[in-house]
C-alpha atoms as a PDB file:
ATOM      1  CA  MET A   1     124.403  44.213  79.408  1.00  0.00           C
ATOM      2  CA  ARG A   2     125.550  46.496  76.576  1.00  0.00           C
ATOM      3  CA  ASP A   3     121.705  46.480  74.986  1.00  0.00           C
ATOM      4  CA  ALA A   4     120.289  46.182  78.866  1.00  0.00           C
ATOM      5  CA  ALA A   5     122.268  49.979  79.703  1.00  0.00           C
ATOM      6  CA  ALA A   6     120.846  51.452  76.324  1.00  0.00           C
ATOM      7  CA  GLU A   7     117.105  50.511  77.237  1.00  0.00           C
ATOM      8  CA  LEU A   8     117.818  52.024  80.730  1.00  0.00           C
ATOM      9  CA  ASP A   9     119.675  55.239  79.356  1.00  0.00           C
ATOM     10  CA  GLU A  10     117.241  56.006  76.593  1.00  0.00           C
ATOM     11  CA  GLU A  11     114.120  55.301  79.452  1.00  0.00           C
ATOM     12  CA  ASP A  12     115.809  57.938  81.815  1.00  0.00           C
ATOM     13  CA  ARG A  13     116.056  59.767  78.474  1.00  0.00           C
ATOM     14  CA  ARG A  14     111.940  60.077  77.802  1.00  0.00           C
ATOM     15  CA  ASN A  15     111.842  59.935  81.286  1.00  0.00           C
ATOM     16  CA  ALA A  16     113.389  63.118  81.831  1.00  0.00           C
ATOM     17  CA  GLU A  17     112.219  65.149  78.975  1.00  0.00           C
ATOM     18  CA  ARG A  18     109.147  64.424  79.676  1.00  0.00           C
ATOM     19  CA  VAL A  19     109.376  66.024  83.095  1.00  0.00           C
ATOM     20  CA  ALA A  20     111.127  68.356  81.238  1.00  0.00           C
ATOM     21  CA  THR A  21     108.208  69.533  78.959  1.00  0.00           C
ATOM     22  CA  GLU A  22     106.289  69.446  82.250  1.00  0.00           C
ATOM     23  CA  GLY A  23     108.335  71.749  83.962  1.00  0.00           C
ATOM     24  CA  ALA A  24     108.041  73.979  80.810  1.00  0.00           C
ATOM     25  CA  ASP A  25     104.185  73.815  80.618  1.00  0.00           C
ATOM     26  CA  MET A  26     104.185  75.227  83.811  1.00  0.00           C
ATOM     27  CA  ALA A  27     106.978  78.121  83.450  1.00  0.00           C
ATOM     28  CA  ARG A  28     104.671  79.455  80.106  1.00  0.00           C
ATOM     29  CA  ASP A  29     101.733  78.799  82.545  1.00  0.00           C
ATOM     30  CA  ALA A  30     103.426  81.485  85.207  1.00  0.00           C
ATOM     31  CA  GLY A  31     103.641  84.036  82.402  1.00  0.00           C
ATOM     32  CA  LEU A  32     107.467  82.816  81.147  1.00  0.00           C
ATOM     33  CA  ASP A  33     108.437  81.770  77.480  1.00  0.00           C
ATOM     34  CA  ALA A  34     110.305  79.028  78.475  1.00  0.00           C
ATOM     35  CA  GLU A  35     111.313  75.718  76.539  1.00  0.00           C
ATOM     36  CA  PRO A  36     111.948  72.493  77.746  1.00  0.00           C
ATOM     37  CA  HIS A  37     115.375  70.572  77.814  1.00  0.00           C
ATOM     38  CA  ALA A  38     116.479  67.426  78.351  1.00  0.00           C
ATOM     39  CA  LEU A  39     119.990  66.949  79.649  1.00  0.00           C
ATOM     40  CA  GLN A  40     122.480  64.422  80.722  1.00  0.00           C
ATOM     41  CA  GLY A  41     124.047  63.945  83.934  1.00  0.00           C
ATOM     42  CA  LYS A  42     127.881  63.933  83.199  1.00  0.00           C
ATOM     43  CA  PRO A  43     128.436  61.810  85.831  1.00  0.00           C
ATOM     44  CA  LYS A  44     126.764  64.276  88.347  1.00  0.00           C
ATOM     45  CA  ALA A  45     123.769  66.980  87.253  1.00  0.00           C
ATOM     46  CA  TRP A  46     125.231  70.217  88.706  1.00  0.00           C
ATOM     47  CA  PRO A  47     128.010  70.790  86.233  1.00  0.00           C
ATOM     48  CA  THR A  48     125.469  69.654  83.452  1.00  0.00           C
ATOM     49  CA  LEU A  49     123.368  72.862  85.080  1.00  0.00           C
ATOM     50  CA  LEU A  50     126.596  74.904  84.730  1.00  0.00           C
ATOM     51  CA  ALA A  51     127.397  74.268  81.445  1.00  0.00           C
ATOM     52  CA  LYS A  52     123.573  75.330  80.411  1.00  0.00           C
ATOM     53  CA  ALA A  53     123.080  78.342  82.185  1.00  0.00           C
ATOM     54  CA  ASP A  54     127.041  79.180  80.459  1.00  0.00           C
ATOM     55  CA  GLU A  55     125.489  78.221  76.823  1.00  0.00           C
ATOM     56  CA  ILE A  56     122.450  80.140  77.427  1.00  0.00           C
ATOM     57  CA  ASN A  57     123.939  82.903  78.936  1.00  0.00           C
ATOM     58  CA  ALA A  58     121.665  82.766  81.918  1.00  0.00           C
ATOM     59  CA  ALA A  59     120.372  86.004  83.850  1.00  0.00           C
ATOM     60  CA  ALA A  60     120.075  83.510  87.201  1.00  0.00           C
ATOM     61  CA  ILE A  61     119.435  79.914  87.646  1.00  0.00           C
ATOM     62  CA  VAL A  62     116.110  78.604  89.792  1.00  0.00           C
ATOM     63  CA  ILE A  63     116.537  75.751  91.919  1.00  0.00           C
ATOM     64  CA  GLY A  64     113.944  74.008  94.508  1.00  0.00           C
ATOM     65  CA  SER A  65     116.220  72.435  97.552  1.00  0.00           C
ATOM     66  CA  ARG A  66     116.471  69.825  99.537  1.00  0.00           C
ATOM     67  CA  GLY A  67     113.783  68.116  97.258  1.00  0.00           C
ATOM     68  CA  GLN A  68     113.230  64.945  94.859  1.00  0.00           C
ATOM     69  CA  GLY A  69     111.539  65.040  91.258  1.00  0.00           C
ATOM     70  CA  ALA A  70     110.537  61.437  89.202  1.00  0.00           C
ATOM     71  CA  VAL A  71     114.663  61.689  87.358  1.00  0.00           C
ATOM     72  CA  THR A  72     116.169  59.371  90.232  1.00  0.00           C
ATOM     73  CA  SER A  73     119.446  61.192  89.659  1.00  0.00           C
ATOM     74  CA  ALA A  74     118.030  64.672  90.156  1.00  0.00           C
ATOM     75  CA  LEU A  75     118.385  64.763  94.036  1.00  0.00           C
ATOM     76  CA  LEU A  76     117.695  68.683  94.415  1.00  0.00           C
ATOM     77  CA  GLY A  77     119.754  69.105  97.916  1.00  0.00           C
ATOM     78  CA  SER A  78     123.058  67.887  96.543  1.00  0.00           C
ATOM     79  CA  VAL A  79     122.831  69.648  92.949  1.00  0.00           C
ATOM     80  CA  SER A  80     121.478  72.788  95.162  1.00  0.00           C
ATOM     81  CA  ALA A  81     124.175  72.937  97.102  1.00  0.00           C
ATOM     82  CA  GLY A  82     126.978  72.574  94.094  1.00  0.00           C
ATOM     83  CA  VAL A  83     125.091  74.944  92.239  1.00  0.00           C
ATOM     84  CA  LEU A  84     125.349  77.358  95.304  1.00  0.00           C
ATOM     85  CA  HIS A  85     128.985  76.662  95.630  1.00  0.00           C
ATOM     86  CA  HIS A  86     130.622  76.462  91.772  1.00  0.00           C
ATOM     87  CA  THR A  87     127.910  78.955  90.189  1.00  0.00           C
ATOM     88  CA  HIS A  88     129.590  82.644  89.219  1.00  0.00           C
ATOM     89  CA  ARG A  89     125.260  83.671  88.254  1.00  0.00           C
ATOM     90  CA  PRO A  90     122.356  84.203  91.158  1.00  0.00           C
ATOM     91  CA  VAL A  91     120.581  81.771  91.611  1.00  0.00           C
ATOM     92  CA  LEU A  92     117.150  82.002  93.052  1.00  0.00           C
ATOM     93  CA  VAL A  93     116.583  78.821  95.612  1.00  0.00           C
ATOM     94  CA  VAL A  94     112.915  78.068  95.888  1.00  0.00           C
ATOM     95  CA  PRO A  95     112.119  75.954  99.421  1.00  0.00           C
ATOM     96  CA  PRO A  96     109.233  73.023  99.565  1.00  0.00           C
ATOM     97  CA  ASN A  97     105.912  74.787  99.615  1.00  0.00           C
ATOM     98  CA  GLY A  98     107.895  78.345  98.713  1.00  0.00           C
ATOM     99  CA  GLU A  99     104.626  79.353  96.698  1.00  0.00           C
ATOM    100  CA  VAL A 100     105.048  83.033  97.119  1.00  0.00           C
ATOM    101  CA  THR A 101     101.939  84.798  97.830  1.00  0.00           C
ATOM    102  CA  SER A 102     104.152  87.317 100.760  1.00  0.00           C
ATOM    103  CA  THR A 103     102.947  90.932  99.203  1.00  0.00           C
ATOM    104  CA  GLY A 104     105.611  93.037 100.878  1.00  0.00           C
ATOM    105  CA  PRO A 105     109.068  94.356 100.402  1.00  0.00           C
ATOM    106  CA  ALA A 106     112.355  92.185  99.848  1.00  0.00           C
ATOM    107  CA  LEU A 107     114.625  91.839 102.200  1.00  0.00           C
ATOM    108  CA  ILE A 108     117.837  92.664 101.003  1.00  0.00           C
ATOM    109  CA  ALA A 109     120.793  91.245 103.348  1.00  0.00           C
ATOM    110  CA  PHE A 110     123.856  94.026 103.000  1.00  0.00           C
ATOM    111  CA  ASP A 111     127.310  94.713 104.798  1.00  0.00           C
ATOM    112  CA  GLY A 112     129.317  96.929 102.520  1.00  0.00           C
ATOM    113  CA  SER A 113     130.816  94.102 100.910  1.00  0.00           C
ATOM    114  CA  GLN A 114     131.063  94.107  96.935  1.00  0.00           C
ATOM    115  CA  ALA A 115     129.264  90.922  97.530  1.00  0.00           C
ATOM    116  CA  SER A 116     126.415  92.683  98.986  1.00  0.00           C
ATOM    117  CA  ARG A 117     126.420  95.555  96.201  1.00  0.00           C
ATOM    118  CA  GLU A 118     125.657  92.997  93.770  1.00  0.00           C
ATOM    119  CA  ALA A 119     122.942  91.449  95.731  1.00  0.00           C
ATOM    120  CA  VAL A 120     121.539  94.875  95.630  1.00  0.00           C
ATOM    121  CA  THR A 121     121.678  95.465  91.807  1.00  0.00           C
ATOM    122  CA  ALA A 122     120.735  91.566  90.929  1.00  0.00           C
ATOM    123  CA  ALA A 123     118.022  92.688  93.816  1.00  0.00           C
ATOM    124  CA  ALA A 124     116.667  95.411  90.693  1.00  0.00           C
ATOM    125  CA  GLU A 125     117.297  93.500  88.034  1.00  0.00           C
ATOM    126  CA  LEU A 126     115.685  90.168  88.539  1.00  0.00           C
ATOM    127  CA  LEU A 127     112.871  90.664  90.972  1.00  0.00           C
ATOM    128  CA  ALA A 128     109.514  91.130  90.252  1.00  0.00           C
ATOM    129  CA  ALA A 129     108.795  93.558  93.622  1.00  0.00           C
ATOM    130  CA  ARG A 130     109.588  97.009  92.947  1.00  0.00           C
ATOM    131  CA  GLN A 131     110.238  97.973  97.343  1.00  0.00           C
ATOM    132  CA  ALA A 132     112.819  96.638  99.206  1.00  0.00           C
ATOM    133  CA  VAL A 133     114.132  96.707 102.822  1.00  0.00           C
ATOM    134  CA  VAL A 134     117.871  96.919 103.416  1.00  0.00           C
ATOM    135  CA  GLU A 135     118.940  95.308 106.376  1.00  0.00           C
ATOM    136  CA  THR A 136     122.494  95.593 108.190  1.00  0.00           C
ATOM    137  CA  VAL A 137     122.502  92.805 111.404  1.00  0.00           C
ATOM    138  CA  TRP A 138     125.402  94.031 114.084  1.00  0.00           C
ATOM    139  CA  MET A 139     125.468  92.587 116.792  1.00  0.00           C
ATOM    140  CA  PRO A 140     125.460  93.351 120.110  1.00  0.00           C
ATOM    141  CA  TYR A 141     127.951  92.853 122.786  1.00  0.00           C
ATOM    142  CA  ARG A 142     126.332  93.204 125.726  1.00  0.00           C
ATOM    143  CA  ALA A 143     125.297  89.173 124.911  1.00  0.00           C
ATOM    144  CA  VAL A 144     128.932  88.661 124.722  1.00  0.00           C
ATOM    145  CA  ALA A 145     130.599  90.589 127.421  1.00  0.00           C
ATOM    146  CA  ALA A 146     130.050  89.145 130.597  1.00  0.00           C
ATOM    147  CA  GLY A 147     131.897  85.837 129.751  1.00  0.00           C
ATOM    148  CA  GLY A 148     135.127  88.151 129.025  1.00  0.00           C
ATOM    149  CA  ALA A 149     134.512  90.243 131.522  1.00  0.00           C
ATOM    150  CA  ALA A 150     135.314  88.023 135.567  1.00  0.00           C
ATOM    151  CA  GLY A 151     137.230  90.098 137.349  1.00  0.00           C
ATOM    152  CA  MET A 152     135.784  93.790 136.275  1.00  0.00           C
ATOM    153  CA  PRO A 153     133.616  95.745 137.943  1.00  0.00           C
ATOM    154  CA  VAL A 154     129.935  95.358 136.012  1.00  0.00           C
ATOM    155  CA  ALA A 155     129.405  99.169 135.924  1.00  0.00           C
ATOM    156  CA  VAL A 156     133.007  99.609 133.993  1.00  0.00           C
ATOM    157  CA  VAL A 157     131.715  96.364 131.969  1.00  0.00           C
ATOM    158  CA  SER A 158     128.557  97.923 131.290  1.00  0.00           C
ATOM    159  CA  ARG A 159     129.267 101.409 130.572  1.00  0.00           C
ATOM    160  CA  ALA A 160     132.036 100.237 127.742  1.00  0.00           C
ATOM    161  CA  THR A 161     129.175  97.690 126.031  1.00  0.00           C
ATOM    162  CA  GLU A 162     126.874 100.558 125.808  1.00  0.00           C
ATOM    163  CA  GLU A 163     129.848 102.616 123.982  1.00  0.00           C
ATOM    164  CA  LEU A 164     130.325  99.799 122.322  1.00  0.00           C
ATOM    165  CA  ASP A 165     127.120  98.923 121.135  1.00  0.00           C
ATOM    166  CA  LYS A 166     126.311 102.345 120.013  1.00  0.00           C
ATOM    167  CA  THR A 167     129.287 102.534 117.800  1.00  0.00           C
ATOM    168  CA  SER A 168     128.186  99.522 116.257  1.00  0.00           C
ATOM    169  CA  ALA A 169     124.657 100.943 116.032  1.00  0.00           C
ATOM    170  CA  ALA A 170     126.137 103.345 114.454  1.00  0.00           C
ATOM    171  CA  GLY A 171     127.532 102.088 112.022  1.00  0.00           C
ATOM    172  CA  ALA A 172     124.790  99.530 110.694  1.00  0.00           C
ATOM    173  CA  GLU A 173     122.356 102.224 110.373  1.00  0.00           C
ATOM    174  CA  GLN A 174     125.140 104.328 108.181  1.00  0.00           C
ATOM    175  CA  THR A 175     126.121 101.499 106.698  1.00  0.00           C
ATOM    176  CA  ALA A 176     122.432 100.368 105.660  1.00  0.00           C
ATOM    177  CA  ARG A 177     121.774 103.792 104.005  1.00  0.00           C
ATOM    178  CA  GLU A 178     124.829 103.590 102.243  1.00  0.00           C
ATOM    179  CA  ALA A 179     122.745 100.783 100.922  1.00  0.00           C
ATOM    180  CA  ALA A 180     119.539 102.266 100.497  1.00  0.00           C
ATOM    181  CA  ARG A 181     120.831 104.844  98.094  1.00  0.00           C
ATOM    182  CA  LEU A 182     122.603 102.019  96.206  1.00  0.00           C
ATOM    183  CA  ALA A 183     118.804 100.307  95.488  1.00  0.00           C
ATOM    184  CA  ALA A 184     117.272 103.789  94.860  1.00  0.00           C
ATOM    185  CA  SER A 185     119.531 104.043  92.622  1.00  0.00           C
ATOM    186  CA  ALA A 186     119.511 100.962  90.391  1.00  0.00           C
ATOM    187  CA  GLY A 187     115.014 101.412  90.869  1.00  0.00           C
ATOM    188  CA  LEU A 188     113.410  99.991  93.177  1.00  0.00           C
ATOM    189  CA  ASP A 189     112.124 101.657  96.568  1.00  0.00           C
ATOM    190  CA  ALA A 190     113.923 101.178  99.373  1.00  0.00           C
ATOM    191  CA  ARG A 191     114.172 101.891 102.947  1.00  0.00           C
ATOM    192  CA  ALA A 192     117.205 100.772 105.467  1.00  0.00           C
ATOM    193  CA  GLU A 193     117.083  99.533 108.396  1.00  0.00           C
ATOM    194  CA  ALA A 194     119.813  98.620 111.277  1.00  0.00           C
ATOM    195  CA  VAL A 195     119.067  95.986 113.520  1.00  0.00           C
ATOM    196  CA  PRO A 196     121.082  94.166 116.731  1.00  0.00           C
ATOM    197  CA  ALA A 197     121.290  90.042 116.024  1.00  0.00           C
ATOM    198  CA  SER A 198     119.218  88.017 117.622  1.00  0.00           C
ATOM    199  CA  GLY A 199     121.098  85.145 117.569  1.00  0.00           C
ATOM    200  CA  PRO A 200     122.618  84.053 114.482  1.00  0.00           C
ATOM    201  CA  VAL A 201     122.400  86.623 111.831  1.00  0.00           C
ATOM    202  CA  TRP A 202     120.596  84.437 109.025  1.00  0.00           C
ATOM    203  CA  ALA A 203     118.064  83.759 112.012  1.00  0.00           C
ATOM    204  CA  THR A 204     117.498  87.500 112.238  1.00  0.00           C
ATOM    205  CA  LEU A 205     117.039  87.706 108.596  1.00  0.00           C
ATOM    206  CA  ARG A 206     114.547  85.197 108.700  1.00  0.00           C
ATOM    207  CA  ASP A 207     113.024  86.827 111.070  1.00  0.00           C
ATOM    208  CA  SER A 208     112.322  90.404 109.940  1.00  0.00           C
ATOM    209  CA  ALA A 209     111.459  88.491 106.333  1.00  0.00           C
ATOM    210  CA  GLU A 210     108.842  86.916 108.301  1.00  0.00           C
ATOM    211  CA  THR A 211     107.642  90.142 109.698  1.00  0.00           C
ATOM    212  CA  HIS A 212     107.610  92.368 106.296  1.00  0.00           C
ATOM    213  CA  ARG A 213     105.992  89.392 105.068  1.00  0.00           C
ATOM    214  CA  SER A 214     108.703  89.614 102.477  1.00  0.00           C
ATOM    215  CA  PRO A 215     108.225  87.604  98.987  1.00  0.00           C
ATOM    216  CA  ALA A 216     111.883  86.902  98.744  1.00  0.00           C
ATOM    217  CA  ILE A 217     115.465  87.368 100.953  1.00  0.00           C
ATOM    218  CA  VAL A 218     118.454  88.349  98.863  1.00  0.00           C
ATOM    219  CA  VAL A 219     121.873  88.342 100.165  1.00  0.00           C
ATOM    220  CA  GLY A 220     125.886  87.932  98.528  1.00  0.00           C
ATOM    221  CA  ALA A 221     128.240  84.965  98.778  1.00  0.00           C
ATOM    222  CA  ARG A 222     131.087  84.809  99.864  1.00  0.00           C
ATOM    223  CA  GLY A 223     131.446  88.151 101.263  1.00  0.00           C
ATOM    224  CA  ARG A 224     132.906  90.499 104.277  1.00  0.00           C
ATOM    225  CA  GLY A 225     132.333  93.757 104.556  1.00  0.00           C
ATOM    226  CA  ALA A 226     132.356  96.446 107.373  1.00  0.00           C
ATOM    227  CA  VAL A 227     130.537  94.469 110.328  1.00  0.00           C
ATOM    228  CA  ALA A 228     132.782  92.270 110.839  1.00  0.00           C
ATOM    229  CA  THR A 229     130.132  89.920 112.049  1.00  0.00           C
ATOM    230  CA  VAL A 230     128.683  89.628 109.050  1.00  0.00           C
ATOM    231  CA  VAL A 231     129.981  86.661 106.463  1.00  0.00           C
ATOM    232  CA  LEU A 232     127.189  86.315 103.728  1.00  0.00           C
ATOM    233  CA  GLY A 233     129.419  82.864 103.118  1.00  0.00           C
ATOM    234  CA  SER A 234     127.775  81.498 106.078  1.00  0.00           C
ATOM    235  CA  VAL A 235     124.830  83.293 106.383  1.00  0.00           C
ATOM    236  CA  SER A 236     123.706  81.921 102.752  1.00  0.00           C
ATOM    237  CA  SER A 237     125.150  78.817 103.414  1.00  0.00           C
ATOM    238  CA  ALA A 238     122.426  78.791 106.373  1.00  0.00           C
ATOM    239  CA  LEU A 239     119.808  80.606 104.883  1.00  0.00           C
ATOM    240  CA  VAL A 240     119.523  77.581 102.487  1.00  0.00           C
ATOM    241  CA  HIS A 241     118.386  75.750 104.569  1.00  0.00           C
ATOM    242  CA  HIS A 242     116.483  77.734 106.714  1.00  0.00           C
ATOM    243  CA  ALA A 243     114.783  80.240 105.217  1.00  0.00           C
ATOM    244  CA  GLU A 244     111.130  79.589 104.644  1.00  0.00           C
ATOM    245  CA  VAL A 245     111.183  82.015 101.254  1.00  0.00           C
ATOM    246  CA  PRO A 246     112.624  81.418  97.694  1.00  0.00           C
ATOM    247  CA  LEU A 247     116.495  83.021  98.817  1.00  0.00           C
ATOM    248  CA  LEU A 248     118.264  85.101  95.921  1.00  0.00           C
ATOM    249  CA  VAL A 249     122.207  84.409  96.335  1.00  0.00           C
ATOM    250  CA  VAL A 250     124.164  86.890  94.129  1.00  0.00           C
ATOM    251  CA  PRO A 251     127.818  85.373  93.542  1.00  0.00           C
ATOM    252  CA  ARG A 252     130.858  88.026  93.582  1.00  0.00           C
ATOM    253  CA  ARG A 253     131.393  87.997  89.746  1.00  0.00           C
ATOM    254  CA  ASP A 254     135.043  87.438  90.001  1.00  0.00           C
ATOM    255  CA  ASP A 255     134.229  84.218  92.564  1.00  0.00           C
ATOM    256  CA  GLY A 256     132.906  81.930  89.572  1.00  0.00           C
END
């Protein structure tokens, strides 16, 4: 049995080397200076990937989502989840059929948190796109006011929600402008955008990326900013599963 296990391990190693070589060839064809490494997961793939990233001091980790390659132990759905939850490095998640053909500006989600500030910096350092829309999403009170306004006059509720929405919109616009200045100082040609949520925040960002023909969405991870409805931990998690363009997830430096 030991001999059989050793033979299986050797076959897996050769298969992994073949896949790694194929990947390095593709990376070189795309203009990268790449070299292949076949690594043994002990026992899972994601801790091994993170250890290798630390060893080479990787600027970012690039992974596919919900894919399964020839190396059967590397089910990228679980690998991407493990990497995203445990890394302290930026992670670029590329969805199935996520070929980058869009020529619009990158979409950077910004809520004023430290995580979103670091996302702006990472976008400037890592993405080829030099134009960006920095977007702050705010939640209109109109959508939720009716449920808590039983017994109150309609006119009173309407005026109150209108004032609250004006305040929220103004705060979001100020936050977005701050982010655009930060992005400009990092070398991006950025413009600010404050938009009301048309459903979940992640769906609003996804739809905005489609409208702008963005080649990528950039979000901070596990941050909570001045716009209290935008919890980027849940937003980034949802976008990993639903975004149709590559997603750059940037953790806070002290989250590793």
